[in-house]
Amino acid sequence: MTTTIPAGMVPAAASSQVGSPLLNIAIFAIFVIVTLAVVIRVSVGRKKTAGEYYTGGAAFSGRQNGIAIAGDYLSAASFLGIAGAIAVAGYDGFLYSIGFLVAWLVALLLVAELLRNTGRFTMADVLSFRLRQRPVRMAAATSTLAVSFFYLLAQMAGAGGLVSLLLGVKSWAGQAIVIAIVGILMITYVLIGGMKGTTWVQIIKACLLIAGAGLITVWVLGKFGFNLSQVMQSAVDRSPKVGEKLLNPGLKYGKTTMTKIDFISLSMALVLGTAGLPHVLMRFYTVPTSKEARKSVEWAIWLIGLFYLFTLVIGFGAAGLVGPGAILAAPGKENSAAPLLAFHLGGSVFLGIISAIAFATILAVVAGLTITTSATFAHDIYNMVIKEGKATQEQEVKVARRAAIAGGVVAIIGGILANGQNIAFLVALAFAVAASANLPTILYSLFWSKFTTRGALWSIYGGLGSAMLLILFSPVVSGKVDATGKSLSMITNPAIDFHWFPLDNPGIVSIPLGFLLGWLGSITDKEKPNAEKYAEMEVRSLSGHGTAGAIQH
């Protein structure tokens, strides 16, 4: 395949970076300095209470929280992973955008406000509301940590690929150092600013990301006379190996019966997973009233929907102007599509700006995930399980800070191991785990009066365990190779193959299993459901009555 590449951009392996590394570093540094200044500014003089650390004191308006939700939800997978997936797989890649958007609507319309009205700080507050506290909180905390870990893998892998492209860091050790630096910055944001500082970073990042994606979209359309059909045709012309297949379904998921089933499994994970993502649901505890929570929903839907429309143009624009060959040959592979397109359009300066936005995306999302994991450990495990609710707020916040450091270290190690994987795909695994372990328990807790503690434990541990087991023994971890025999799995040695589950995403098995186990555990449980607590939960979830007191407690 031959492609014509603009001067200064060499797609072959000999090319170590695009643009000016010094300029890229300077723009990164400016962003980090500005956002750290904001974090320090908003955290000065704040009481170090649990409510302040976890929810920012529930002091954000609906508009602010809606923008922050968009900033939290539009991860590196949305910007780098989906753009790359569309550039290489066309229509099938765009299905990620559709899945993520539809998933957000399901989460908002089905569970978000109800969870916000019922809980205080974390998802476990809701799941344990009418069940036995200690075992349910432990199960919910375990699930939250597992989901957050998979999501963190995607963000850290994106950081490694992005910076390796921009700074010419091709060695494994060099990219590991880059991922470690991202992890250290993430920990710094969380330790200094807590949820309030993290929220402002997410607001800044959301504005920058949507503005940057909009600018690229307009620029790409302008090159083709603002004709989207011409953009797509250009992508087809620069992809001679696949041609018109780029615009039709089936290029990635329609070749065999097994890939079609895999697509169904992926779709289930994407559409149902968001409603079980703890770091997204936790954002609804940062507003003071149900009215502001609904306003958050409105802002988030419009911003997220607009952004995913932009990804269509960015992805096909990258295929048409840069070419799939150049994208796959670059460090970071598919994840490099958006930065390479930015370089093609505006040279080194525009590349640096767009890459700084992508870097901001990664930092903001991992900071939100770190807040969630530290809150889960400190509030649910340390205070409610170990200390039986008797720990002081100062003790809880101290443990949360230490948990943030420990979580950051784990994220760094996992990110190094996952470096090179498509981040949209890694996020899909996180969605599968969330949909399997969290969603059934959330829905049963909110809507089924006969749900019991055994049902919750079976649902969480069964859904989580089955999803993790199937991922471990899937082609994602071992056994998948390309036409040349090169490994496409997390294990880079193609000779190592221990997979027996044929699908990349476990959702089609683990999600129904999570629902089934929740039902089976409840109907076989000798412990009778607490009807009074369910009635109280129903009133609170639908009306918000008692919510303010719970949050301010």
Protein backbone atom coordinates (compact mmCIF):
# COMPACT_ATOMS: atom_id res chain seq x y z
CA MET A 1 0.00 0.00 0.00
CA THR A 2 1.47 3.36 -1.00
CA THR A 3 0.43 6.61 0.59
CA THR A 4 1.41 10.20 0.07
CA ILE A 5 2.39 11.75 3.38
CA PRO A 6 2.91 15.48 3.97
CA ALA A 7 6.42 16.75 4.37
CA GLY A 8 7.77 16.07 7.83
CA MET A 9 5.53 13.09 8.50
CA VAL A 10 7.09 9.70 7.92
CA PRO A 11 4.80 6.79 8.73
CA ALA A 12 7.36 4.05 8.61
CA ALA A 13 8.91 2.51 11.64
CA ALA A 14 11.93 4.70 11.15
CA SER A 15 9.89 7.69 12.23
CA SER A 16 10.05 8.17 15.97
CA GLN A 17 7.75 11.14 16.41
CA VAL A 18 5.86 13.87 14.61
CA GLY A 19 6.11 17.55 15.26
CA SER A 20 8.57 19.17 17.64
CA PRO A 21 9.18 17.30 20.91
CA LEU A 22 10.26 20.50 22.68
CA LEU A 23 7.11 22.32 21.58
CA ASN A 24 4.95 19.38 22.64
CA ILE A 25 6.61 19.28 26.06
CA ALA A 26 6.14 23.04 26.46
CA ILE A 27 2.40 22.87 25.70
CA PHE A 28 1.99 19.89 28.05
CA ALA A 29 3.82 21.79 30.78
CA ILE A 30 1.64 24.87 30.35
CA PHE A 31 -1.50 22.80 30.71
CA VAL A 32 -0.22 21.00 33.80
CA ILE A 33 0.86 24.27 35.46
CA VAL A 34 -2.46 26.01 34.73
CA THR A 35 -4.60 23.12 35.95
CA LEU A 36 -2.48 22.59 39.05
CA ALA A 37 -2.89 26.30 39.83
CA VAL A 38 -6.66 25.92 39.50
CA VAL A 39 -6.67 22.84 41.74
CA ILE A 40 -4.61 24.61 44.41
CA ARG A 41 -6.78 27.73 44.17
CA VAL A 42 -10.09 25.91 44.70
CA SER A 43 -8.72 23.76 47.51
CA VAL A 44 -7.25 26.58 49.63
CA GLY A 45 -9.13 27.11 52.88
CA ARG A 46 -11.40 24.10 52.40
CA LYS A 47 -12.18 21.83 55.32
CA LYS A 48 -10.76 18.37 54.83
CA THR A 49 -14.05 16.59 55.54
CA ALA A 50 -15.22 13.41 53.83
CA GLY A 51 -18.04 15.29 52.09
CA GLU A 52 -15.61 17.91 50.78
CA TYR A 53 -13.09 15.33 49.60
CA TYR A 54 -15.57 12.93 47.95
CA THR A 55 -18.27 15.27 46.56
CA GLY A 56 -16.83 18.80 46.69
CA GLY A 57 -19.40 19.63 49.35
CA ALA A 58 -22.24 19.07 46.83
CA ALA A 59 -21.69 22.70 45.82
CA PHE A 60 -21.68 22.51 42.01
CA SER A 61 -24.50 23.80 39.82
CA GLY A 62 -26.26 21.59 37.31
CA ARG A 63 -24.48 23.25 34.39
CA GLN A 64 -21.06 22.90 36.01
CA ASN A 65 -21.68 19.29 36.91
CA GLY A 66 -23.09 18.51 33.45
CA ILE A 67 -19.91 19.82 31.83
CA ALA A 68 -17.81 17.90 34.36
CA ILE A 69 -19.80 14.73 33.63
CA ALA A 70 -18.98 15.16 29.95
CA GLY A 71 -15.35 15.66 30.95
CA ASP A 72 -15.41 12.50 33.03
CA TYR A 73 -17.24 10.39 30.44
CA LEU A 74 -15.40 11.55 27.31
CA SER A 75 -12.24 9.64 28.04
CA ALA A 76 -9.16 8.90 25.98
CA ALA A 77 -11.18 6.05 24.51
CA SER A 78 -13.65 8.56 23.10
CA PHE A 79 -11.06 10.84 21.54
CA LEU A 80 -8.10 8.65 20.61
CA GLY A 81 -9.54 5.13 20.55
CA ILE A 82 -12.78 5.79 18.66
CA ALA A 83 -11.15 8.10 16.12
CA GLY A 84 -8.60 5.38 15.42
CA ALA A 85 -11.24 2.66 15.27
CA ILE A 86 -13.26 4.65 12.69
CA ALA A 87 -10.13 5.40 10.65
CA VAL A 88 -9.20 1.72 10.43
CA ALA A 89 -12.56 -0.11 10.69
CA GLY A 90 -14.93 2.57 9.35
CA TYR A 91 -18.59 1.85 10.08
CA ASP A 92 -17.78 -0.82 12.68
CA GLY A 93 -15.52 1.65 14.48
CA PHE A 94 -18.30 4.23 14.65
CA LEU A 95 -20.43 1.67 16.47
CA TYR A 96 -18.32 2.47 19.55
CA SER A 97 -19.57 6.07 19.40
CA ILE A 98 -23.17 4.92 19.05
CA GLY A 99 -22.80 2.42 21.88
CA PHE A 100 -21.23 4.92 24.28
CA LEU A 101 -23.91 7.54 23.55
CA VAL A 102 -26.86 5.17 23.88
CA ALA A 103 -25.29 3.81 27.07
CA TRP A 104 -25.24 7.29 28.55
CA LEU A 105 -28.94 7.75 27.84
CA VAL A 106 -29.72 4.42 29.52
CA ALA A 107 -27.72 5.39 32.60
CA LEU A 108 -29.26 8.83 32.93
CA LEU A 109 -32.86 7.86 32.32
CA LEU A 110 -32.82 4.62 34.31
CA VAL A 111 -30.60 4.92 37.40
CA ALA A 112 -28.61 8.17 37.76
CA GLU A 113 -31.08 10.39 39.62
CA LEU A 114 -32.43 7.49 41.69
CA LEU A 115 -28.93 6.61 42.83
CA ARG A 116 -28.16 10.23 43.60
CA ASN A 117 -31.28 10.57 45.75
CA THR A 118 -30.57 7.38 47.67
CA GLY A 119 -26.81 7.47 48.23
CA ARG A 120 -24.34 9.63 50.04
CA PHE A 121 -20.85 9.17 48.63
CA THR A 122 -20.50 5.87 46.73
CA MET A 123 -22.46 3.23 44.84
CA ALA A 124 -22.19 0.91 47.84
CA ASP A 125 -24.31 3.36 49.87
CA VAL A 126 -27.21 2.52 47.58
CA LEU A 127 -26.62 -1.22 47.30
CA SER A 128 -26.38 -1.64 51.07
CA PHE A 129 -29.30 0.68 51.91
CA ARG A 130 -31.81 -2.10 52.61
CA LEU A 131 -29.44 -5.08 52.84
CA ARG A 132 -26.82 -6.22 55.34
CA GLN A 133 -24.10 -3.56 55.35
CA ARG A 134 -20.79 -5.37 55.75
CA PRO A 135 -20.98 -8.15 53.12
CA VAL A 136 -22.73 -5.98 50.52
CA ARG A 137 -20.31 -3.09 50.97
CA MET A 138 -17.34 -5.42 50.61
CA ALA A 139 -18.80 -6.91 47.44
CA ALA A 140 -19.65 -3.50 45.97
CA ALA A 141 -16.20 -2.16 46.85
CA THR A 142 -14.51 -5.15 45.22
CA SER A 143 -16.53 -4.63 42.05
CA THR A 144 -15.87 -0.88 42.01
CA LEU A 145 -12.13 -1.40 42.32
CA ALA A 146 -12.14 -3.99 39.51
CA VAL A 147 -14.10 -1.77 37.10
CA SER A 148 -11.96 1.25 37.89
CA PHE A 149 -8.80 -0.78 37.33
CA PHE A 150 -9.84 -1.78 33.80
CA TYR A 151 -10.83 1.80 33.01
CA LEU A 152 -7.51 3.07 34.35
CA LEU A 153 -5.68 0.57 32.12
CA ALA A 154 -7.21 2.21 29.07
CA GLN A 155 -6.30 5.75 30.10
CA MET A 156 -2.72 4.89 31.03
CA ALA A 157 -2.24 2.92 27.80
CA GLY A 158 -3.49 5.98 25.91
CA ALA A 159 -0.98 8.17 27.71
CA GLY A 160 1.87 5.86 26.77
CA GLY A 161 0.93 5.73 23.09
CA LEU A 162 0.27 9.46 22.80
CA VAL A 163 3.49 10.64 24.39
CA SER A 164 5.57 8.01 22.60
CA LEU A 165 4.28 9.46 19.32
CA LEU A 166 4.96 13.06 20.28
CA LEU A 167 8.30 12.68 22.02
CA GLY A 168 9.75 9.83 19.97
CA VAL A 169 9.88 7.47 22.97
CA LYS A 170 9.84 4.05 21.33
CA SER A 171 11.52 1.87 23.96
CA TRP A 172 9.46 -0.08 26.47
CA ALA A 173 11.35 1.49 29.37
CA GLY A 174 10.82 5.01 28.01
CA GLN A 175 7.07 4.53 27.62
CA ALA A 176 6.91 3.00 31.10
CA ILE A 177 8.50 6.17 32.49
CA VAL A 178 5.94 8.29 30.63
CA ILE A 179 3.06 6.27 32.11
CA ALA A 180 4.59 6.62 35.56
CA ILE A 181 4.76 10.41 35.18
CA VAL A 182 1.07 10.50 34.22
CA GLY A 183 0.27 8.44 37.31
CA ILE A 184 2.22 10.78 39.57
CA LEU A 185 0.43 13.82 38.15
CA MET A 186 -2.90 12.08 38.65
CA ILE A 187 -2.11 11.38 42.31
CA THR A 188 -1.02 15.00 42.79
CA TYR A 189 -4.33 16.38 41.47
CA VAL A 190 -6.34 14.14 43.76
CA LEU A 191 -4.27 14.69 46.91
CA ILE A 192 -4.32 18.47 46.54
CA GLY A 193 -7.82 19.14 45.28
CA GLY A 194 -10.03 16.16 46.09
CA MET A 195 -13.33 16.08 44.19
CA LYS A 196 -13.58 19.87 43.94
CA GLY A 197 -10.20 20.24 42.24
CA THR A 198 -10.82 17.19 40.07
CA THR A 199 -14.19 18.58 38.96
CA TRP A 200 -12.67 21.85 37.80
CA VAL A 201 -9.99 19.97 35.88
CA GLN A 202 -12.78 17.97 34.22
CA ILE A 203 -14.72 21.15 33.35
CA ILE A 204 -11.62 22.73 31.76
CA LYS A 205 -10.84 19.51 29.94
CA ALA A 206 -14.40 19.10 28.60
CA CYS A 207 -14.41 22.63 27.17
CA LEU A 208 -11.00 22.14 25.56
CA LEU A 209 -11.82 18.68 24.20
CA ILE A 210 -15.14 19.62 22.60
CA ALA A 211 -13.70 22.86 21.20
CA GLY A 212 -10.64 21.05 19.82
CA ALA A 213 -12.71 18.25 18.28
CA GLY A 214 -15.08 20.84 16.79
CA LEU A 215 -12.18 22.75 15.25
CA ILE A 216 -10.73 19.60 13.67
CA THR A 217 -14.18 18.68 12.35
CA VAL A 218 -14.73 22.07 10.71
CA TRP A 219 -11.18 22.05 9.32
CA VAL A 220 -11.57 18.57 7.80
CA LEU A 221 -14.96 19.40 6.30
CA GLY A 222 -13.53 22.64 4.89
CA LYS A 223 -10.89 20.68 2.98
CA PHE A 224 -13.69 18.78 1.23
CA GLY A 225 -16.07 21.67 0.57
CA PHE A 226 -18.08 20.88 3.69
CA ASN A 227 -19.26 17.70 2.01
CA LEU A 228 -19.27 14.71 4.37
CA SER A 229 -19.69 12.31 1.45
CA GLN A 230 -16.40 13.56 0.00
CA VAL A 231 -14.68 12.97 3.35
CA MET A 232 -15.90 9.38 3.36
CA GLN A 233 -14.97 8.84 -0.27
CA SER A 234 -11.47 10.08 0.45
CA ALA A 235 -11.22 7.55 3.29
CA VAL A 236 -12.28 4.80 0.88
CA ASP A 237 -9.71 5.92 -1.71
CA ARG A 238 -6.89 5.87 0.85
CA SER A 239 -7.90 2.40 2.04
CA PRO A 240 -7.48 0.25 -1.09
CA LYS A 241 -7.27 -3.00 0.86
CA VAL A 242 -10.84 -2.63 2.09
CA GLY A 243 -12.37 -0.03 -0.26
CA GLU A 244 -16.12 0.44 0.06
CA LYS A 245 -16.22 -2.04 2.94
CA LEU A 246 -15.07 0.84 5.13
CA LEU A 247 -18.53 2.40 4.82
CA ASN A 248 -20.52 -0.78 5.37
CA PRO A 249 -21.10 -2.90 8.47
CA GLY A 250 -19.09 -6.07 8.88
CA LEU A 251 -15.50 -5.03 8.22
CA LYS A 252 -14.44 -5.94 11.76
CA TYR A 253 -17.40 -7.79 13.24
CA GLY A 254 -19.15 -9.37 10.26
CA LYS A 255 -16.62 -11.75 8.77
CA THR A 256 -17.73 -14.87 10.63
CA THR A 257 -20.57 -16.00 12.85
CA MET A 258 -18.27 -15.74 15.84
CA THR A 259 -17.36 -12.09 15.12
CA LYS A 260 -21.07 -11.28 14.75
CA ILE A 261 -21.74 -12.81 18.16
CA ASP A 262 -18.77 -10.88 19.50
CA PHE A 263 -20.36 -7.68 18.24
CA ILE A 264 -23.61 -8.48 20.05
CA SER A 265 -21.56 -9.09 23.19
CA LEU A 266 -19.72 -5.77 22.73
CA SER A 267 -23.01 -3.93 22.16
CA MET A 268 -24.50 -5.33 25.36
CA ALA A 269 -21.44 -4.22 27.31
CA LEU A 270 -21.40 -0.71 25.84
CA VAL A 271 -25.13 -0.01 26.18
CA LEU A 272 -25.52 -1.42 29.70
CA GLY A 273 -22.09 -0.73 31.14
CA THR A 274 -22.31 3.01 31.80
CA ALA A 275 -25.16 2.54 34.26
CA GLY A 276 -22.73 0.51 36.38
CA LEU A 277 -19.65 2.75 36.17
CA PRO A 278 -18.99 3.99 39.72
CA HIS A 279 -16.89 7.03 38.76
CA VAL A 280 -19.64 8.39 36.49
CA LEU A 281 -22.46 7.74 38.95
CA MET A 282 -20.46 9.37 41.76
CA ARG A 283 -20.59 12.69 39.93
CA PHE A 284 -24.28 13.03 40.79
CA TYR A 285 -23.42 13.41 44.47
CA THR A 286 -21.70 16.76 43.74
CA VAL A 287 -24.95 18.73 43.18
CA PRO A 288 -27.22 19.94 46.03
CA THR A 289 -30.70 19.08 44.67
CA SER A 290 -32.57 16.72 42.37
CA LYS A 291 -33.38 19.68 40.11
CA GLU A 292 -29.69 20.40 39.62
CA ALA A 293 -29.09 16.69 38.97
CA ARG A 294 -31.64 16.79 36.14
CA LYS A 295 -30.01 19.93 34.74
CA SER A 296 -26.69 18.07 34.81
CA VAL A 297 -28.30 15.39 32.66
CA GLU A 298 -29.46 17.91 30.06
CA TRP A 299 -26.05 19.53 29.70
CA ALA A 300 -24.23 16.20 29.60
CA ILE A 301 -26.47 14.69 26.90
CA TRP A 302 -26.05 17.63 24.53
CA LEU A 303 -22.29 17.87 24.99
CA ILE A 304 -21.63 14.15 24.72
CA GLY A 305 -23.92 13.73 21.70
CA LEU A 306 -22.23 16.64 19.90
CA PHE A 307 -18.78 15.23 20.56
CA TYR A 308 -19.63 11.79 19.19
CA LEU A 309 -20.83 13.40 15.96
CA PHE A 310 -17.41 15.02 15.72
CA THR A 311 -15.68 11.63 16.02
CA LEU A 312 -17.29 10.48 12.77
CA VAL A 313 -15.63 13.28 10.79
CA ILE A 314 -12.35 13.00 12.70
CA GLY A 315 -12.10 9.26 12.09
CA PHE A 316 -12.92 9.30 8.39
CA GLY A 317 -10.86 12.48 8.00
CA ALA A 318 -7.83 10.71 9.47
CA ALA A 319 -8.37 7.78 7.09
CA GLY A 320 -8.70 10.11 4.10
CA LEU A 321 -5.93 12.61 4.84
CA VAL A 322 -3.39 10.51 6.74
CA GLY A 323 -4.21 6.98 5.64
CA PRO A 324 -4.65 3.76 7.66
CA GLY A 325 -1.13 2.63 6.73
CA ALA A 326 0.49 5.67 8.31
CA ILE A 327 -1.75 5.40 11.37
CA LEU A 328 -1.00 1.72 12.03
CA ALA A 329 2.76 2.27 11.47
CA ALA A 330 2.98 5.09 14.01
CA PRO A 331 3.75 4.59 17.72
CA GLY A 332 0.41 4.08 19.44
CA LYS A 333 -1.10 2.65 16.22
CA GLU A 334 -4.87 3.33 16.07
CA ASN A 335 -4.63 5.67 19.05
CA SER A 336 -2.43 8.00 16.97
CA ALA A 337 -5.09 8.79 14.35
CA ALA A 338 -6.34 12.07 15.87
CA PRO A 339 -2.85 13.49 16.63
CA LEU A 340 -1.60 12.57 13.13
CA LEU A 341 -4.64 14.26 11.60
CA ALA A 342 -3.96 17.38 13.68
CA PHE A 343 -0.37 17.42 12.42
CA HIS A 344 -1.54 17.08 8.83
CA LEU A 345 -3.95 19.99 9.25
CA GLY A 346 -1.96 22.49 11.28
CA GLY A 347 1.60 21.30 11.70
CA SER A 348 3.56 21.08 14.92
CA VAL A 349 1.73 23.82 16.83
CA PHE A 350 -1.76 22.43 16.20
CA LEU A 351 -0.49 18.92 16.94
CA GLY A 352 0.88 20.13 20.26
CA ILE A 353 -2.41 21.81 21.17
CA ILE A 354 -4.58 18.82 20.25
CA SER A 355 -2.21 16.42 21.98
CA ALA A 356 -2.25 18.57 25.11
CA ILE A 357 -6.05 18.32 25.02
CA ALA A 358 -5.78 14.53 24.72
CA PHE A 359 -3.30 14.56 27.59
CA ALA A 360 -5.76 16.66 29.60
CA THR A 361 -8.45 14.11 28.80
CA ILE A 362 -6.36 11.33 30.25
CA LEU A 363 -5.39 13.25 33.38
CA ALA A 364 -8.95 14.37 34.11
CA VAL A 365 -10.44 10.90 33.74
CA VAL A 366 -7.77 9.11 35.77
CA ALA A 367 -8.15 11.73 38.51
CA GLY A 368 -11.89 11.02 38.64
CA LEU A 369 -11.24 7.29 38.76
CA THR A 370 -8.70 7.72 41.54
CA ILE A 371 -11.18 9.73 43.63
CA THR A 372 -13.71 6.92 43.18
CA THR A 373 -11.33 4.14 44.16
CA SER A 374 -9.98 6.02 47.17
CA ALA A 375 -13.51 6.89 48.34
CA THR A 376 -14.57 3.27 47.93
CA PHE A 377 -11.67 1.98 49.99
CA ALA A 378 -11.83 4.62 52.72
CA HIS A 379 -15.60 5.02 53.06
CA ASP A 380 -16.89 1.52 52.29
CA ILE A 381 -14.07 -0.78 53.40
CA TYR A 382 -12.20 1.17 56.09
CA ASN A 383 -14.98 3.12 57.79
CA MET A 384 -18.14 1.07 57.23
CA VAL A 385 -16.63 -2.45 57.33
CA ILE A 386 -13.42 -2.33 59.37
CA LYS A 387 -14.38 0.50 61.76
CA GLU A 388 -18.13 -0.29 61.60
CA GLY A 389 -18.95 3.35 60.83
CA LYS A 390 -17.09 4.73 63.86
CA ALA A 391 -14.11 6.35 62.10
CA THR A 392 -13.87 10.12 62.20
CA GLN A 393 -14.00 12.13 58.99
CA GLU A 394 -10.36 13.10 59.45
CA GLN A 395 -9.35 9.44 59.72
CA GLU A 396 -11.43 8.56 56.67
CA VAL A 397 -9.91 11.32 54.54
CA LYS A 398 -6.40 10.31 55.63
CA VAL A 399 -7.06 6.72 54.54
CA ALA A 400 -8.58 7.97 51.26
CA ARG A 401 -5.40 9.92 50.49
CA ARG A 402 -3.24 6.87 51.15
CA ALA A 403 -5.57 4.76 49.01
CA ALA A 404 -5.19 7.29 46.18
CA ILE A 405 -1.43 6.81 46.26
CA ALA A 406 -1.74 3.01 46.32
CA GLY A 407 -4.32 3.09 43.51
CA GLY A 408 -2.05 5.29 41.44
CA VAL A 409 0.80 2.81 41.78
CA VAL A 410 -1.43 -0.07 40.71
CA ALA A 411 -2.68 1.99 37.75
CA ILE A 412 0.88 2.73 36.67
CA ILE A 413 1.85 -0.94 36.72
CA GLY A 414 -1.32 -1.99 34.87
CA GLY A 415 -0.91 0.78 32.31
CA ILE A 416 2.61 -0.36 31.54
CA LEU A 417 1.39 -3.92 30.97
CA ALA A 418 -1.53 -2.77 28.76
CA ASN A 419 0.51 -0.31 26.69
CA GLY A 420 -0.16 -0.68 22.95
CA GLN A 421 -3.74 -2.00 23.22
CA ASN A 422 -6.60 -0.08 21.57
CA ILE A 423 -8.01 1.99 24.40
CA ALA A 424 -11.60 2.01 23.15
CA PHE A 425 -11.43 -1.77 23.28
CA LEU A 426 -9.97 -1.78 26.82
CA VAL A 427 -12.76 0.52 27.99
CA ALA A 428 -15.28 -1.90 26.48
CA LEU A 429 -13.91 -4.55 28.83
CA ALA A 430 -14.45 -2.20 31.78
CA PHE A 431 -18.01 -1.67 30.59
CA ALA A 432 -18.54 -5.44 30.43
CA VAL A 433 -17.37 -5.90 34.02
CA ALA A 434 -19.55 -2.98 35.20
CA ALA A 435 -22.63 -4.29 33.39
CA SER A 436 -22.10 -7.80 34.74
CA ALA A 437 -21.31 -7.05 38.38
CA ASN A 438 -22.92 -3.68 39.19
CA LEU A 439 -25.93 -3.09 36.96
CA PRO A 440 -28.01 -6.15 37.98
CA THR A 441 -27.55 -5.33 41.67
CA ILE A 442 -28.36 -1.64 41.15
CA LEU A 443 -31.58 -2.38 39.26
CA TYR A 444 -32.70 -5.10 41.67
CA SER A 445 -31.97 -2.81 44.66
CA LEU A 446 -33.99 0.07 43.20
CA PHE A 447 -36.92 -1.78 41.65
CA TRP A 448 -37.39 -5.29 43.17
CA SER A 449 -38.85 -5.49 46.65
CA LYS A 450 -37.88 -9.16 47.11
CA PHE A 451 -34.17 -8.60 46.50
CA THR A 452 -32.02 -9.95 49.34
CA THR A 453 -28.43 -9.85 50.59
CA ARG A 454 -27.66 -13.28 49.14
CA GLY A 455 -29.01 -12.15 45.78
CA ALA A 456 -26.74 -9.09 45.88
CA LEU A 457 -23.65 -11.13 46.76
CA TRP A 458 -24.33 -13.79 44.13
CA SER A 459 -25.01 -11.12 41.50
CA ILE A 460 -21.92 -9.04 42.22
CA TYR A 461 -19.41 -11.82 42.75
CA GLY A 462 -20.92 -14.04 40.07
CA GLY A 463 -21.04 -11.30 37.45
CA LEU A 464 -17.59 -10.00 38.36
CA GLY A 465 -16.00 -13.43 38.57
CA SER A 466 -17.46 -14.70 35.31
CA ALA A 467 -16.48 -11.53 33.41
CA MET A 468 -12.92 -11.59 34.76
CA LEU A 469 -12.54 -15.33 34.12
CA LEU A 470 -13.80 -15.09 30.54
CA ILE A 471 -11.55 -12.10 29.82
CA LEU A 472 -8.52 -13.97 31.20
CA PHE A 473 -9.16 -16.96 28.95
CA SER A 474 -10.22 -14.95 25.88
CA PRO A 475 -8.21 -13.97 22.78
CA VAL A 476 -7.72 -10.55 24.41
CA VAL A 477 -5.08 -12.03 26.71
CA SER A 478 -3.58 -14.78 24.53
CA GLY A 479 -3.86 -16.56 21.22
CA LYS A 480 -4.91 -13.86 18.76
CA VAL A 481 -2.51 -13.27 15.85
CA ASP A 482 -2.62 -11.29 12.61
CA ALA A 483 -1.94 -12.60 9.09
CA THR A 484 1.83 -12.44 9.67
CA GLY A 485 1.64 -14.39 12.91
CA LYS A 486 2.24 -11.34 15.14
CA SER A 487 0.42 -11.40 18.46
CA LEU A 488 -2.57 -9.09 18.83
CA SER A 489 -3.18 -10.07 22.46
CA MET A 490 -1.92 -8.57 25.70
CA ILE A 491 0.67 -11.35 25.81
CA THR A 492 3.10 -10.35 23.08
CA ASN A 493 4.45 -13.85 22.46
CA PRO A 494 2.17 -15.48 19.82
CA ALA A 495 3.37 -18.94 20.87
CA ILE A 496 1.62 -18.55 24.23
CA ASP A 497 -2.04 -19.48 23.85
CA PHE A 498 -4.26 -20.60 26.71
CA HIS A 499 -7.57 -19.10 25.60
CA TRP A 500 -10.68 -21.28 25.39
CA PHE A 501 -13.41 -18.60 25.37
CA PRO A 502 -13.77 -17.53 21.71
CA LEU A 503 -15.14 -13.98 22.17
CA ASP A 504 -13.19 -10.79 22.84
CA ASN A 505 -15.92 -9.34 25.06
CA PRO A 506 -17.64 -11.51 27.72
CA GLY A 507 -20.82 -9.42 28.02
CA ILE A 508 -23.17 -11.80 26.22
CA VAL A 509 -22.48 -14.47 28.88
CA SER A 510 -21.56 -12.56 32.05
CA ILE A 511 -24.33 -9.90 31.96
CA PRO A 512 -27.29 -12.34 31.81
CA LEU A 513 -25.49 -14.50 34.37
CA GLY A 514 -25.27 -11.54 36.78
CA PHE A 515 -29.03 -10.96 36.50
CA LEU A 516 -29.79 -14.68 36.82
CA LEU A 517 -27.66 -15.10 39.94
CA GLY A 518 -29.25 -12.04 41.58
CA TRP A 519 -32.70 -13.54 41.04
CA LEU A 520 -31.70 -17.07 42.02
CA GLY A 521 -29.89 -15.95 45.16
CA SER A 522 -32.89 -13.91 46.30
CA ILE A 523 -35.56 -16.57 45.81
CA THR A 524 -33.45 -19.20 47.59
CA ASP A 525 -32.53 -16.90 50.50
CA LYS A 526 -34.19 -17.81 53.82
CA GLU A 527 -33.70 -14.22 55.03
CA LYS A 528 -36.85 -12.22 54.29
CA PRO A 529 -36.54 -8.84 52.51
CA ASN A 530 -36.92 -5.74 54.69
CA ALA A 531 -40.19 -4.28 53.39
CA GLU A 532 -39.92 -1.10 55.48
CA LYS A 533 -36.42 -0.27 54.25
CA TYR A 534 -37.49 -0.91 50.66
CA ALA A 535 -40.44 1.46 51.06
CA GLU A 536 -38.13 4.09 52.55
CA MET A 537 -35.66 3.61 49.70
CA GLU A 538 -38.41 3.88 47.10
CA VAL A 539 -39.69 7.17 48.55
CA ARG A 540 -36.21 8.63 48.81
CA SER A 541 -35.12 7.54 45.31
CA LEU A 542 -38.22 8.96 43.63
CA SER A 543 -38.68 12.13 45.67
CA GLY A 544 -35.24 12.99 47.00
CA HIS A 545 -36.72 13.21 50.51
CA GLY A 546 -33.93 12.88 53.08
CA THR A 547 -31.18 13.17 50.49
CA ALA A 548 -29.78 16.50 51.64
CA GLY A 549 -29.42 15.27 55.18
CA ALA A 550 -27.63 12.16 54.01
CA ILE A 551 -25.16 14.12 51.93
CA GLN A 552 -24.45 16.74 54.54
CA HIS A 553 -24.14 14.21 57.35
